[in-house]
């Protein structure tokens, strides 16, 4: 009987959808924290220098820079709050979270892009090898896998490590998501799962492999001596 099932993918690490948003730091009250808003759509193309250290009017969604020639009352209905733009920042938001969360902010777009390059996990540029306990597979599934040949194809390769009584899998074309699999013209993730079931792979193994592949894991090893991974089912051996 399985236990300890967690709704989130325990293989997921880091952020997979980082985006840069240019924001204006607005001072509107000396006793209140700064407010952060994007420029008005009509001023999105303005340079940072045209936005910084200028008075503005703002609402809940954006800030409008005003010049000495502007009539402030003409904008008061849509942008009722006055302030001044202290500086422009480039916020890095993780959009794989809901709602998106702020990971950090920098003071130029070039620095923000470099920071994303440093913290983002890009396929092919890092090692994604996991070693987890074999208790994440039922005994009957483990015996079936180790006593007979494992089907080939289906975006995975299996290998045994006899000295440690471990079983490994190389996952191909990860992540196993519909969007990525569509790019390589394979199938959908559900279709791949069904192919693996039809080939006789244990359902419990397939579930773990798909969680790992969705998190872009490339090598997954089940080892009796390896630690358990919180969030995965655990089976009595």
Protein backbone atom coordinates (compact mmCIF):
# COMPACT_ATOMS: atom_id res chain seq x y z
CA UNK A 1 0.00 0.00 0.00
CA UNK A 2 1.39 3.40 -0.92
CA UNK A 3 1.73 6.22 1.59
CA UNK A 4 2.90 9.80 1.79
CA UNK A 5 1.62 11.10 -1.57
CA UNK A 6 2.28 14.81 -2.09
CA UNK A 7 0.30 16.86 -4.66
CA UNK A 8 3.37 18.75 -5.92
CA UNK A 9 6.08 17.30 -8.14
CA UNK A 10 8.95 16.43 -5.75
CA UNK A 11 11.46 16.44 -8.61
CA UNK A 12 10.78 20.08 -9.48
CA UNK A 13 13.65 22.42 -8.66
CA UNK A 14 14.26 26.06 -9.45
CA UNK A 15 12.03 28.04 -11.80
CA UNK A 16 11.03 27.14 -15.33
CA UNK A 17 9.34 30.34 -16.54
CA UNK A 18 11.34 33.43 -15.61
CA UNK A 19 10.32 36.74 -17.19
CA UNK A 20 11.62 40.28 -16.92
CA UNK A 21 9.26 43.17 -16.22
CA UNK A 22 10.33 46.82 -16.25
CA UNK A 23 8.87 48.63 -13.24
CA UNK A 24 8.94 52.16 -11.90
CA UNK A 25 9.78 52.72 -8.22
CA UNK A 26 7.37 55.44 -7.18
CA UNK A 27 7.62 57.61 -4.08
CA UNK A 28 4.24 59.06 -3.13
CA UNK A 29 4.47 59.40 0.64
CA UNK A 30 7.61 59.86 2.71
CA UNK A 31 6.14 57.56 5.38
CA UNK A 32 4.99 54.80 3.02
CA UNK A 33 6.92 52.11 1.13
CA UNK A 34 7.68 52.63 -2.54
CA UNK A 35 5.08 51.50 -5.06
CA UNK A 36 6.16 49.46 -8.10
CA UNK A 37 4.22 49.78 -11.35
CA UNK A 38 4.92 49.43 -15.08
CA UNK A 39 4.97 52.52 -17.30
CA UNK A 40 1.76 53.56 -19.03
CA UNK A 41 1.31 51.64 -22.34
CA UNK A 42 1.86 54.86 -24.30
CA UNK A 43 5.26 55.27 -22.61
CA UNK A 44 6.53 51.70 -22.70
CA UNK A 45 9.01 52.63 -25.45
CA UNK A 46 10.56 55.44 -23.41
CA UNK A 47 14.14 54.99 -22.23
CA UNK A 48 14.98 54.57 -18.55
CA UNK A 49 16.39 58.12 -18.53
CA UNK A 50 13.08 59.52 -19.76
CA UNK A 51 11.25 57.79 -16.91
CA UNK A 52 13.55 58.20 -13.92
CA UNK A 53 13.35 61.20 -11.57
CA UNK A 54 10.19 62.54 -13.16
CA UNK A 55 6.81 63.30 -11.58
CA UNK A 56 4.01 60.92 -12.42
CA UNK A 57 0.38 60.08 -11.85
CA UNK A 58 -0.54 56.49 -11.14
CA UNK A 59 -3.41 54.10 -10.50
CA UNK A 60 -3.51 50.41 -9.56
CA UNK A 61 -2.13 49.21 -12.91
CA UNK A 62 0.44 51.69 -14.31
CA UNK A 63 2.15 55.04 -13.96
CA UNK A 64 2.01 57.97 -16.38
CA UNK A 65 4.94 60.38 -16.56
CA UNK A 66 3.80 64.01 -16.68
CA UNK A 67 5.77 66.95 -18.01
CA UNK A 68 5.56 70.64 -17.04
CA UNK A 69 3.44 71.20 -20.14
CA UNK A 70 0.85 68.62 -19.09
CA UNK A 71 -2.39 69.57 -17.42
CA UNK A 72 -2.46 67.21 -14.44
CA UNK A 73 -6.20 67.50 -14.02
CA UNK A 74 -6.66 66.06 -17.53
CA UNK A 75 -5.32 62.71 -16.27
CA UNK A 76 -6.74 62.77 -12.76
CA UNK A 77 -9.76 60.60 -13.50
CA UNK A 78 -7.71 57.63 -14.75
CA UNK A 79 -4.55 58.27 -12.70
CA UNK A 80 -5.61 59.94 -9.47
CA UNK A 81 -2.44 59.53 -7.37
CA UNK A 82 0.61 61.83 -7.71
CA UNK A 83 4.16 60.65 -7.13
CA UNK A 84 7.71 60.76 -8.43
CA UNK A 85 9.68 58.01 -10.13
CA UNK A 86 12.76 57.36 -8.03
CA UNK A 87 14.32 54.81 -10.40
CA UNK A 88 13.59 52.13 -12.97
CA UNK A 89 14.09 48.50 -11.98
CA UNK A 90 13.90 45.24 -13.89
CA UNK A 91 12.02 42.67 -11.87
CA UNK A 92 12.52 38.94 -12.48
CA UNK A 93 9.26 37.08 -11.91
CA UNK A 94 8.68 33.33 -11.80
CA UNK A 95 5.54 32.68 -13.80
CA UNK A 96 5.46 28.96 -13.07
CA UNK A 97 4.13 30.02 -9.66
CA UNK A 98 0.56 31.22 -9.19
CA UNK A 99 0.45 34.12 -8.71
CA UNK A 100 3.89 34.95 -10.15
CA UNK A 101 6.50 35.66 -7.49
CA UNK A 102 9.32 38.18 -7.54
CA UNK A 103 12.67 36.38 -7.56
CA UNK A 104 14.77 39.56 -7.59
CA UNK A 105 15.24 42.92 -9.22
CA UNK A 106 18.15 44.65 -10.94
CA UNK A 107 18.81 48.05 -12.40
CA UNK A 108 19.26 47.28 -16.09
CA UNK A 109 17.74 44.86 -18.55
CA UNK A 110 21.18 43.47 -19.42
CA UNK A 111 21.85 42.61 -15.77
CA UNK A 112 18.41 40.99 -15.45
CA UNK A 113 18.98 38.85 -18.54
CA UNK A 114 22.38 37.76 -17.21
CA UNK A 115 20.85 36.85 -13.85
CA UNK A 116 18.21 34.70 -15.56
CA UNK A 117 20.97 32.95 -17.49
CA UNK A 118 22.73 32.24 -14.20
CA UNK A 119 19.76 30.82 -12.33
CA UNK A 120 17.68 29.21 -15.08
CA UNK A 121 18.08 25.49 -15.75
CA UNK A 122 18.59 25.14 -19.49
CA UNK A 123 18.43 21.66 -20.97
CA UNK A 124 21.86 20.40 -21.98
CA UNK A 125 23.80 22.77 -19.72
CA UNK A 126 23.62 20.98 -16.39
CA UNK A 127 23.46 17.57 -14.77
CA UNK A 128 20.01 16.21 -13.93
CA UNK A 129 20.76 12.90 -12.26
CA UNK A 130 18.70 11.64 -9.33
CA UNK A 131 19.23 8.61 -7.09
CA UNK A 132 16.16 7.67 -5.06
CA UNK A 133 15.10 4.76 -2.89
CA UNK A 134 13.76 1.63 -4.55
CA UNK A 135 10.95 1.74 -1.96
CA UNK A 136 9.25 4.15 -4.34
CA UNK A 137 8.35 1.09 -6.42
CA UNK A 138 6.16 -1.82 -5.18
CA UNK A 139 7.98 -5.11 -4.70
CA UNK A 140 5.95 -6.77 -7.46
CA UNK A 141 6.91 -4.03 -9.90
CA UNK A 142 10.59 -4.26 -8.88
CA UNK A 143 10.60 -8.04 -9.39
CA UNK A 144 8.95 -7.71 -12.79
CA UNK A 145 11.50 -5.14 -13.94
CA UNK A 146 14.55 -7.07 -12.73
CA UNK A 147 13.43 -10.54 -13.84
CA UNK A 148 12.59 -9.78 -17.47
CA UNK A 149 13.83 -7.54 -20.25
CA UNK A 150 12.54 -3.99 -20.14
CA UNK A 151 10.92 -2.73 -23.39
CA UNK A 152 13.04 -0.33 -25.41
CA UNK A 153 11.94 2.86 -27.12
CA UNK A 154 9.22 5.09 -25.73
CA UNK A 155 11.75 7.82 -24.89
CA UNK A 156 13.56 5.83 -22.22
CA UNK A 157 16.47 3.41 -21.83
CA UNK A 158 16.90 1.12 -18.82
CA UNK A 159 20.14 -0.21 -17.34
CA UNK A 160 21.00 -2.37 -14.34
CA UNK A 161 23.73 -1.80 -11.76
CA UNK A 162 24.18 -5.37 -10.46
CA UNK A 163 26.77 -4.64 -7.76
CA UNK A 164 24.44 -2.23 -5.98
CA UNK A 165 21.19 -3.99 -6.95
CA UNK A 166 20.05 -0.75 -8.54
CA UNK A 167 18.03 -0.01 -11.66
CA UNK A 168 18.50 3.11 -13.75
CA UNK A 169 16.61 4.91 -16.50
CA UNK A 170 17.78 7.43 -19.04
CA UNK A 171 14.89 9.70 -20.00
CA UNK A 172 14.98 11.07 -23.54
CA UNK A 173 13.52 14.29 -24.98
CA UNK A 174 12.59 15.71 -21.60
CA UNK A 175 10.58 17.49 -20.38
CA UNK A 176 7.68 15.16 -21.17
CA UNK A 177 5.14 17.90 -21.68
CA UNK A 178 2.73 18.28 -24.58
CA UNK A 179 4.44 21.46 -25.79
CA UNK A 180 7.94 19.95 -25.82
CA UNK A 181 6.91 16.59 -27.26
CA UNK A 182 4.96 18.41 -29.97
CA UNK A 183 8.15 20.24 -31.02
CA UNK A 184 9.91 16.94 -31.71
CA UNK A 185 6.79 15.48 -33.33
CA UNK A 186 6.46 12.50 -31.00
CA UNK A 187 3.05 12.46 -29.27
CA UNK A 188 1.32 13.96 -26.28
CA UNK A 189 2.40 13.12 -22.74
CA UNK A 190 -0.80 11.09 -22.23
CA UNK A 191 -0.17 9.15 -25.43
CA UNK A 192 3.38 8.39 -24.33
CA UNK A 193 2.09 7.22 -20.95
CA UNK A 194 -0.40 4.90 -22.67
CA UNK A 195 2.31 3.45 -24.94
CA UNK A 196 4.41 2.66 -21.90
CA UNK A 197 1.46 1.02 -20.15
CA UNK A 198 0.65 -1.02 -23.24
CA UNK A 199 4.28 -2.21 -23.37
CA UNK A 200 3.93 -3.66 -19.88
CA UNK A 201 5.78 -1.14 -17.76
CA UNK A 202 4.36 -0.98 -14.20
CA UNK A 203 2.00 1.93 -13.67
CA UNK A 204 3.82 2.96 -10.49
CA UNK A 205 7.11 3.22 -12.39
CA UNK A 206 5.51 5.22 -15.17
CA UNK A 207 4.08 7.69 -12.67
CA UNK A 208 7.51 8.35 -11.14
CA UNK A 209 9.21 8.54 -14.54
CA UNK A 210 6.71 11.11 -15.79
CA UNK A 211 7.09 13.26 -12.68
CA UNK A 212 10.87 13.16 -13.16
CA UNK A 213 10.63 13.87 -16.89
CA UNK A 214 8.29 16.82 -16.36
CA UNK A 215 11.02 18.31 -14.14
CA UNK A 216 13.60 17.68 -16.91
CA UNK A 217 15.42 14.88 -15.07
CA UNK A 218 17.65 12.95 -17.48
CA UNK A 219 18.94 10.05 -15.34
CA UNK A 220 16.91 8.40 -12.60
CA UNK A 221 18.30 5.55 -10.49
CA UNK A 222 16.33 3.42 -8.04
CA UNK A 223 18.70 2.10 -5.36
CA UNK A 224 17.86 0.24 -2.13
CA UNK A 225 20.48 2.30 -0.28
CA UNK A 226 19.43 5.68 -1.64
CA UNK A 227 17.33 8.10 0.45
CA UNK A 228 13.62 8.46 -0.02
CA UNK A 229 12.30 11.49 -1.86
CA UNK A 230 9.65 13.36 0.10
CA UNK A 231 6.44 13.57 -1.87
CA UNK A 232 6.67 10.22 -3.67
CA UNK A 233 4.62 7.14 -2.69
CA UNK A 234 6.44 4.65 -0.46
CA UNK A 235 5.77 0.91 -0.68
CA UNK A 236 6.47 -1.86 1.78
CA UNK A 237 9.30 -4.11 0.56
